[in-house]
Amino acid sequence: MRFLVALFVGLALYNCSPKKNTITFINESKFDIDSLFISVSSAESYISKHFNIKKSDSVITSIPDYVPKSNKHDITVRALVCIKQHDVIDSYQYNDLSGTLQGGYKITFKDENDIRWKVDYVKN
């Protein structure tokens, strides 16, 4: 009986804890990246900064489920890539159907003109 109570309490605590969404950035380009800014915007914005990303490196950004504050109807995930002696590279994914992140994002930086996005949507 105690086992069942402990199991029930554990499941309840797990389901009530804040969930985190991940945005994975993979550098498959021939460039070392000086700085990378990942932002998530709805009613408010959340920004994560990363520096000195080498060729073949990956960066995983964990974003709590309640960040950013939602406007209930759209969300934008943006990646700004800064490389010395190059223009800033700006790429984004926009969703007009939800005000929250709906799963994990994978951003693959191939070269200056090729950033690929993959979104793993989670059904609610």
Protein backbone atom coordinates (compact mmCIF):
# COMPACT_ATOMS: atom_id res chain seq x y z
CA MET A 1 0.00 0.00 0.00
CA ARG A 2 2.82 2.43 0.86
CA PHE A 3 4.41 1.63 -2.49
CA LEU A 4 1.23 2.66 -4.33
CA VAL A 5 0.97 5.90 -2.34
CA ALA A 6 4.64 6.69 -3.01
CA LEU A 7 4.16 5.92 -6.72
CA PHE A 8 1.07 8.13 -6.91
CA VAL A 9 2.82 11.03 -5.11
CA GLY A 10 5.88 10.66 -7.35
CA LEU A 11 3.78 10.77 -10.51
CA ALA A 12 1.82 13.76 -9.24
CA LEU A 13 5.02 15.68 -8.45
CA TYR A 14 6.53 14.79 -11.82
CA ASN A 15 3.46 15.95 -13.73
CA CYS A 16 3.23 19.19 -11.72
CA SER A 17 6.89 20.13 -12.17
CA PRO A 18 7.71 22.67 -14.88
CA LYS A 19 8.52 21.07 -18.22
CA LYS A 20 11.42 22.24 -20.35
CA ASN A 21 11.53 22.59 -24.09
CA THR A 22 14.84 22.28 -25.89
CA ILE A 23 16.28 24.11 -28.84
CA THR A 24 19.34 22.35 -30.26
CA PHE A 25 21.70 24.33 -32.50
CA ILE A 26 24.20 22.32 -34.56
CA ASN A 27 27.10 24.01 -36.33
CA GLU A 28 27.84 21.99 -39.47
CA SER A 29 29.39 24.95 -41.28
CA LYS A 30 33.02 25.70 -42.03
CA PHE A 31 32.87 28.68 -39.64
CA ASP A 32 33.65 29.17 -35.98
CA ILE A 33 30.74 31.18 -34.57
CA ASP A 34 31.61 34.12 -32.33
CA SER A 35 28.15 34.41 -30.80
CA LEU A 36 24.71 32.88 -31.12
CA PHE A 37 21.49 34.33 -29.79
CA ILE A 38 18.43 32.10 -29.47
CA SER A 39 15.22 33.97 -28.71
CA VAL A 40 11.65 32.86 -28.12
CA SER A 41 9.02 35.58 -28.40
CA SER A 42 5.29 35.73 -27.73
CA ALA A 43 3.86 38.36 -25.33
CA GLU A 44 7.39 38.58 -23.86
CA SER A 45 10.81 37.47 -25.08
CA TYR A 46 13.32 34.99 -23.69
CA ILE A 47 16.91 35.19 -24.96
CA SER A 48 19.77 32.76 -24.51
CA LYS A 49 23.32 33.78 -25.50
CA HIS A 50 26.16 31.43 -26.44
CA PHE A 51 29.74 32.28 -27.40
CA ASN A 52 32.66 30.65 -29.24
CA ILE A 53 30.91 27.79 -30.98
CA LYS A 54 33.43 25.76 -32.97
CA LYS A 55 32.87 23.79 -36.15
CA SER A 56 30.91 20.58 -35.42
CA ASP A 57 29.80 21.85 -31.97
CA SER A 58 26.23 21.68 -30.73
CA VAL A 59 24.46 23.91 -28.23
CA ILE A 60 21.34 22.85 -26.34
CA THR A 61 19.14 25.58 -24.88
CA SER A 62 16.59 24.47 -22.28
CA ILE A 63 13.56 26.73 -22.01
CA PRO A 64 11.09 26.30 -19.13
CA ASP A 65 7.51 25.59 -20.18
CA TYR A 66 6.19 28.85 -18.71
CA VAL A 67 8.74 31.08 -20.51
CA PRO A 68 8.11 33.36 -22.31
CA LYS A 69 4.74 34.68 -21.21
CA SER A 70 2.25 33.73 -23.91
CA ASN A 71 -0.04 36.01 -25.88
CA LYS A 72 -2.09 32.84 -26.65
CA HIS A 73 -1.92 33.06 -30.46
CA ASP A 74 1.61 33.12 -31.92
CA ILE A 75 5.24 32.41 -31.13
CA THR A 76 8.55 33.06 -32.89
CA VAL A 77 11.81 31.21 -32.34
CA ARG A 78 14.81 33.08 -33.77
CA ALA A 79 18.50 32.30 -34.21
CA LEU A 80 21.00 35.12 -34.77
CA VAL A 81 24.46 33.90 -35.80
CA CYS A 82 27.42 36.30 -35.56
CA ILE A 83 30.68 35.43 -37.35
CA LYS A 84 33.67 37.79 -37.57
CA GLN A 85 33.83 39.74 -40.82
CA HIS A 86 30.41 38.50 -41.96
CA ASP A 87 26.92 39.96 -41.89
CA VAL A 88 24.70 38.81 -39.05
CA ILE A 89 22.72 35.73 -40.10
CA ASP A 90 19.10 35.85 -38.96
CA SER A 91 16.74 32.88 -39.23
CA TYR A 92 13.41 32.23 -37.53
CA GLN A 93 10.47 29.85 -37.22
CA TYR A 94 7.02 31.40 -36.75
CA ASN A 95 3.89 29.60 -35.54
CA ASP A 96 0.59 31.47 -35.78
CA LEU A 97 -1.45 28.70 -34.16
CA SER A 98 0.00 28.65 -30.65
CA GLY A 99 1.42 31.05 -28.12
CA THR A 100 3.73 28.43 -26.60
CA LEU A 101 6.49 26.11 -27.73
CA GLN A 102 4.96 22.90 -28.99
CA GLY A 103 7.98 20.61 -28.86
CA GLY A 104 11.70 20.51 -29.51
CA TYR A 105 13.49 22.50 -32.17
CA LYS A 106 16.63 21.50 -34.05
CA ILE A 107 18.48 24.24 -35.95
CA THR A 108 21.27 23.08 -38.25
CA PHE A 109 23.65 25.75 -39.54
CA LYS A 110 25.11 24.52 -42.84
CA ASP A 111 26.57 27.75 -44.25
CA GLU A 112 25.81 31.45 -44.58
CA ASN A 113 22.73 30.87 -46.72
CA ASP A 114 21.54 27.55 -45.35
CA ILE A 115 19.98 27.17 -41.91
CA ARG A 116 17.63 24.22 -41.56
CA TRP A 117 14.85 23.94 -39.00
CA LYS A 118 13.19 20.80 -37.72
CA VAL A 119 10.35 21.01 -35.21
CA ASP A 120 9.26 17.92 -33.29
CA TYR A 121 5.69 18.83 -32.41
CA VAL A 122 4.23 17.31 -29.26
CA LYS A 123 0.51 16.57 -29.31
CA ASN A 124 -1.32 17.96 -26.29
